[in-house]
Amino acid sequence: MDLQLKDKTAFVSGSTAGIGLAIVEVLLREGATVILNGRTPEAVEQAVEGLRAANPAAWVSGIAADFGRAEDVARLMEALPEVDILVNNVGIFEPKPFSEIPDEDWFRFFEVNVMSGVRLSRHLLPKMLSRNWGRIIFISSESAIFIPDEMIHYGMTKTAQLAISRGLAELTKGTAVTVNAVLPGPTKSRGVGDFIESLARQEQVEVEEMEKIFFQNFRPSSLIQRFASPEEIAHTVAYLVSPLASATNGAAIRAEGGLVRSIL
């Protein structure tokens, strides 16, 4: 299927690995021009070189910025050209007992996971509205509606993203601009892979066995009973940012493997 993205320019935050990189790869294959992002120039350069090696015809570049630093974000926005598609993907997570989460962690998670999308959307949405076309996606999580007790501060930020994306969608009424959120479930990104490997070492079992234990004990309601691949999430995002998804606006699209039992 042609997603009609050949004349579109996209910016994907937090995209040198995991879901973000998978989104970049899919958009490039669809012919879009893509600007990726990582915390350091080295990470950005490595990702851009890898993508160009795999697809010499790809129109890809990168901008380094740490979304935990407001000054970095300001510099990034100055460097950004006009973009048609914004994917707010950058995010951090860390399992930690609620009683051990200090104020600093709550503010840090909010700064990176929530304010990153607020700042970028505030900068880019008016331009999309003036051109009467644009797509904004917030990569939220099933944790937004199925708050994990092992990282409540993370769940809080993912719920906030749903509120922001829906509120911004209200500002697009009557235009060809859309704002949506995607809710991945447990996904085999680099960070999650490291987390499962760490658990496997603690429990002295193989990684494959630890994955089964994880879904049996921590996510038993999952229907697919496995981690999604970053590519599976990326395909959902690629459709939603395309002109073909023009009737989907203000929605929270679940790609969580049936983990959430609610039908709404």
Protein backbone atom coordinates (compact mmCIF):
# COMPACT_ATOMS: atom_id res chain seq x y z
CA MET A 1 0.00 0.00 0.00
CA ASP A 2 1.27 3.47 -0.89
CA LEU A 3 0.94 5.67 2.20
CA GLN A 4 1.42 8.82 0.08
CA LEU A 5 4.33 10.12 2.18
CA LYS A 6 6.81 10.88 -0.60
CA ASP A 7 6.39 14.66 -0.31
CA LYS A 8 6.25 14.76 3.49
CA THR A 9 8.92 15.71 6.03
CA ALA A 10 8.85 14.14 9.48
CA PHE A 11 10.65 14.72 12.78
CA VAL A 12 10.80 11.83 15.25
CA SER A 13 12.14 12.55 18.73
CA GLY A 14 14.16 9.94 20.59
CA SER A 15 14.76 7.95 17.43
CA THR A 16 18.27 6.49 17.39
CA ALA A 17 17.02 3.15 18.73
CA GLY A 18 13.90 1.15 19.56
CA ILE A 19 10.43 2.23 18.49
CA GLY A 20 11.68 5.63 17.35
CA LEU A 21 14.28 4.18 15.00
CA ALA A 22 11.75 1.67 13.65
CA ILE A 23 9.37 4.55 12.88
CA VAL A 24 12.14 6.38 11.03
CA GLU A 25 12.95 3.26 9.00
CA VAL A 26 9.33 2.72 7.95
CA LEU A 27 8.82 6.38 7.02
CA LEU A 28 12.00 6.35 4.94
CA ARG A 29 10.86 3.23 3.11
CA GLU A 30 7.62 5.07 2.32
CA GLY A 31 9.61 7.88 0.73
CA ALA A 32 9.33 10.52 3.44
CA THR A 33 12.17 12.86 4.37
CA VAL A 34 12.99 12.20 8.02
CA ILE A 35 14.90 14.09 10.71
CA LEU A 36 15.83 11.86 13.63
CA ASN A 37 16.99 12.77 17.10
CA GLY A 38 19.19 11.43 19.89
CA ARG A 39 20.79 12.79 23.02
CA THR A 40 24.32 13.02 21.63
CA PRO A 41 25.84 13.97 18.25
CA GLU A 42 27.63 10.61 18.21
CA ALA A 43 24.39 8.64 18.55
CA VAL A 44 22.71 10.74 15.87
CA GLU A 45 25.62 10.39 13.45
CA GLN A 46 25.79 6.63 13.94
CA ALA A 47 22.05 6.23 13.31
CA VAL A 48 22.08 8.44 10.21
CA GLU A 49 25.08 6.60 8.75
CA GLY A 50 23.44 3.22 9.38
CA LEU A 51 20.21 4.29 7.70
CA ARG A 52 22.02 5.73 4.70
CA ALA A 53 24.09 2.57 4.34
CA ALA A 54 20.93 0.46 4.34
CA ASN A 55 19.08 2.80 1.98
CA PRO A 56 21.40 5.10 -0.01
CA ALA A 57 18.41 6.91 -1.50
CA ALA A 58 17.01 7.79 1.94
CA TRP A 59 16.53 11.46 2.75
CA VAL A 60 17.56 11.35 6.41
CA SER A 61 19.36 13.74 8.72
CA GLY A 62 19.56 14.23 12.47
CA ILE A 63 19.63 16.79 15.26
CA ALA A 64 21.08 16.03 18.69
CA ALA A 65 19.17 17.27 21.74
CA ASP A 66 18.68 16.04 25.30
CA PHE A 67 15.00 16.52 26.13
CA GLY A 68 15.88 16.71 29.79
CA ARG A 69 17.47 20.10 29.05
CA ALA A 70 15.13 22.92 27.99
CA GLU A 71 18.04 24.79 26.37
CA ASP A 72 18.76 21.79 24.12
CA VAL A 73 15.12 21.72 23.05
CA ALA A 74 15.20 25.44 22.25
CA ARG A 75 18.25 24.93 20.01
CA LEU A 76 16.59 21.97 18.32
CA MET A 77 13.48 23.97 17.49
CA GLU A 78 15.61 26.74 15.99
CA ALA A 79 17.30 24.16 13.76
CA LEU A 80 14.12 22.40 12.68
CA PRO A 81 12.82 23.21 9.21
CA GLU A 82 9.11 23.14 8.49
CA VAL A 83 7.85 19.61 9.04
CA ASP A 84 4.59 17.96 8.10
CA ILE A 85 4.77 15.17 10.66
CA LEU A 86 5.79 15.29 14.32
CA VAL A 87 6.19 12.04 16.26
CA ASN A 88 6.67 12.68 19.98
CA ASN A 89 8.43 9.45 20.82
CA VAL A 90 11.18 10.37 23.27
CA GLY A 91 10.64 8.91 26.72
CA ILE A 92 12.30 7.42 29.77
CA PHE A 93 11.17 4.73 32.18
CA GLU A 94 12.53 3.08 35.31
CA PRO A 95 10.88 0.55 37.62
CA LYS A 96 11.03 1.88 41.17
CA PRO A 97 8.87 1.38 44.29
CA PHE A 98 6.54 4.33 44.82
CA SER A 99 7.91 5.11 48.29
CA GLU A 100 11.42 5.40 46.82
CA ILE A 101 10.60 7.83 43.98
CA PRO A 102 11.94 11.26 44.98
CA ASP A 103 10.46 14.54 43.80
CA GLU A 104 13.38 14.96 41.41
CA ASP A 105 12.40 11.80 39.51
CA TRP A 106 8.77 12.92 39.18
CA PHE A 107 9.90 16.23 37.70
CA ARG A 108 12.52 14.59 35.46
CA PHE A 109 10.01 12.12 34.01
CA PHE A 110 7.50 14.92 33.41
CA GLU A 111 10.16 17.10 31.78
CA VAL A 112 11.27 14.42 29.31
CA ASN A 113 8.09 12.46 28.65
CA VAL A 114 5.52 15.25 28.70
CA MET A 115 7.14 18.65 28.18
CA SER A 116 9.09 17.39 25.15
CA GLY A 117 5.84 16.91 23.26
CA VAL A 118 4.31 20.10 24.65
CA ARG A 119 7.23 22.23 23.48
CA LEU A 120 7.50 20.66 20.04
CA SER A 121 3.75 20.75 19.43
CA ARG A 122 3.53 24.37 20.58
CA HIS A 123 6.24 25.21 18.06
CA LEU A 124 4.94 23.19 15.11
CA LEU A 125 1.13 22.98 15.39
CA PRO A 126 0.46 26.64 14.44
CA LYS A 127 2.53 26.18 11.29
CA MET A 128 0.62 23.01 10.38
CA LEU A 129 -2.67 24.83 10.89
CA SER A 130 -1.55 27.70 8.70
CA ARG A 131 -0.67 25.23 5.91
CA ASN A 132 -3.86 23.23 6.61
CA TRP A 133 -2.05 19.89 6.77
CA GLY A 134 -0.10 18.09 9.44
CA ARG A 135 0.15 15.10 11.71
CA ILE A 136 1.15 14.96 15.36
CA ILE A 137 1.53 11.64 17.16
CA PHE A 138 2.23 11.08 20.84
CA ILE A 139 3.77 7.69 21.60
CA SER A 140 2.02 6.98 24.88
CA SER A 141 1.69 3.49 26.37
CA GLU A 142 -0.76 0.97 27.71
CA SER A 143 0.62 2.23 31.03
CA ALA A 144 -1.49 5.37 30.48
CA ILE A 145 -4.67 3.42 31.25
CA PHE A 146 -3.19 0.34 32.97
CA ILE A 147 -0.92 2.12 35.45
CA PRO A 148 1.96 -0.19 36.44
CA ASP A 149 2.47 -0.29 40.20
CA GLU A 150 6.19 -0.77 39.66
CA MET A 151 6.59 2.65 37.93
CA ILE A 152 3.67 4.90 38.77
CA HIS A 153 5.61 8.03 37.80
CA TYR A 154 5.99 6.68 34.27
CA GLY A 155 2.28 5.84 34.04
CA MET A 156 1.44 9.37 35.14
CA THR A 157 3.37 10.85 32.22
CA LYS A 158 1.75 8.52 29.72
CA THR A 159 -1.74 9.50 30.93
CA ALA A 160 -0.78 13.16 30.62
CA GLN A 161 0.16 12.57 26.99
CA LEU A 162 -3.36 11.34 26.26
CA ALA A 163 -4.87 14.48 27.76
CA ILE A 164 -2.55 16.72 25.76
CA SER A 165 -3.07 14.90 22.46
CA ARG A 166 -6.84 15.02 22.81
CA GLY A 167 -6.76 18.69 23.79
CA LEU A 168 -4.57 19.59 20.83
CA ALA A 169 -6.87 17.66 18.50
CA GLU A 170 -9.69 19.98 19.57
CA LEU A 171 -7.66 22.87 18.14
CA THR A 172 -7.62 21.25 14.69
CA LYS A 173 -11.39 21.22 14.19
CA GLY A 174 -12.34 21.76 10.55
CA THR A 175 -8.76 21.43 9.26
CA ALA A 176 -6.65 18.73 7.63
CA VAL A 177 -4.39 18.53 10.69
CA THR A 178 -4.77 15.59 13.07
CA VAL A 179 -3.38 14.77 16.51
CA ASN A 180 -3.49 11.24 17.86
CA ALA A 181 -1.82 9.04 20.45
CA VAL A 182 -0.56 5.49 20.03
CA LEU A 183 -0.49 3.15 23.02
CA PRO A 184 2.11 0.41 22.57
CA GLY A 185 2.15 -2.49 24.97
CA PRO A 186 5.33 -4.18 26.18
CA THR A 187 7.72 -3.81 23.25
CA LYS A 188 11.13 -5.39 22.73
CA SER A 189 13.09 -2.16 22.57
CA ARG A 190 16.70 -1.96 23.72
CA GLY A 191 15.75 -0.69 27.17
CA VAL A 192 13.15 -3.39 27.71
CA GLY A 193 15.56 -6.03 26.44
CA ASP A 194 18.16 -4.90 28.99
CA PHE A 195 15.49 -4.96 31.71
CA ILE A 196 14.45 -8.53 30.89
CA GLU A 197 18.06 -9.68 30.70
CA SER A 198 18.67 -8.17 34.13
CA LEU A 199 15.64 -9.98 35.55
CA ALA A 200 16.80 -13.23 33.94
CA ARG A 201 20.19 -12.92 35.63
CA GLN A 202 18.53 -12.24 38.97
CA GLU A 203 16.24 -15.26 38.63
CA GLN A 204 19.00 -17.39 37.06
CA VAL A 205 16.91 -18.39 34.06
CA GLU A 206 17.27 -17.99 30.29
CA VAL A 207 15.99 -14.77 28.71
CA GLU A 208 13.29 -16.64 26.76
CA GLU A 209 12.02 -18.21 29.98
CA MET A 210 12.08 -14.82 31.71
CA GLU A 211 9.90 -13.38 28.96
CA LYS A 212 7.31 -16.10 29.58
CA ILE A 213 7.47 -15.48 33.32
CA PHE A 214 7.05 -11.75 32.74
CA PHE A 215 3.78 -12.21 30.88
CA GLN A 216 2.51 -14.90 33.24
CA ASN A 217 3.19 -12.84 36.37
CA PHE A 218 3.19 -9.17 35.35
CA ARG A 219 1.03 -8.93 32.20
CA PRO A 220 -1.25 -11.99 32.31
CA SER A 221 -4.08 -10.25 30.41
CA SER A 222 -1.96 -9.90 27.25
CA LEU A 223 -3.59 -11.77 24.40
CA ILE A 224 -0.46 -12.15 22.31
CA GLN A 225 1.62 -13.23 25.35
CA ARG A 226 4.83 -11.82 23.92
CA PHE A 227 6.65 -8.56 23.41
CA ALA A 228 5.67 -6.63 20.32
CA SER A 229 8.46 -5.72 17.95
CA PRO A 230 9.30 -2.04 17.41
CA GLU A 231 8.39 -2.56 13.74
CA GLU A 232 4.82 -3.57 14.65
CA ILE A 233 4.35 -0.25 16.46
CA ALA A 234 6.05 1.66 13.64
CA HIS A 235 3.62 0.31 11.05
CA THR A 236 0.68 1.62 13.09
CA VAL A 237 2.31 5.03 13.37
CA ALA A 238 3.16 5.18 9.66
CA TYR A 239 -0.48 4.70 8.72
CA LEU A 240 -1.71 7.30 11.21
CA VAL A 241 0.67 9.99 9.91
CA SER A 242 -0.32 9.33 6.31
CA PRO A 243 -2.97 11.15 4.28
CA LEU A 244 -4.92 7.87 4.29
CA ALA A 245 -5.73 8.32 8.00
CA SER A 246 -7.48 11.66 7.53
CA ALA A 247 -10.62 10.56 9.41
CA THR A 248 -8.71 9.56 12.56
CA ASN A 249 -8.30 12.52 14.89
CA GLY A 250 -8.25 12.90 18.67
CA ALA A 251 -7.94 9.14 19.08
CA ALA A 252 -5.90 6.92 21.38
CA ILE A 253 -4.97 3.95 19.21
CA ARG A 254 -4.06 0.83 21.16
CA ALA A 255 -1.27 -1.44 19.91
CA GLU A 256 -0.81 -3.27 23.21
CA GLY A 257 -1.49 -6.86 22.20
CA GLY A 258 -4.92 -6.97 23.84
CA LEU A 259 -3.46 -6.41 27.31
CA VAL A 260 -6.14 -3.86 28.27
CA ARG A 261 -9.46 -5.65 28.63
CA SER A 262 -11.64 -2.57 28.15
CA ILE A 263 -13.31 -2.35 24.73
CA LEU A 264 -13.20 1.47 24.78
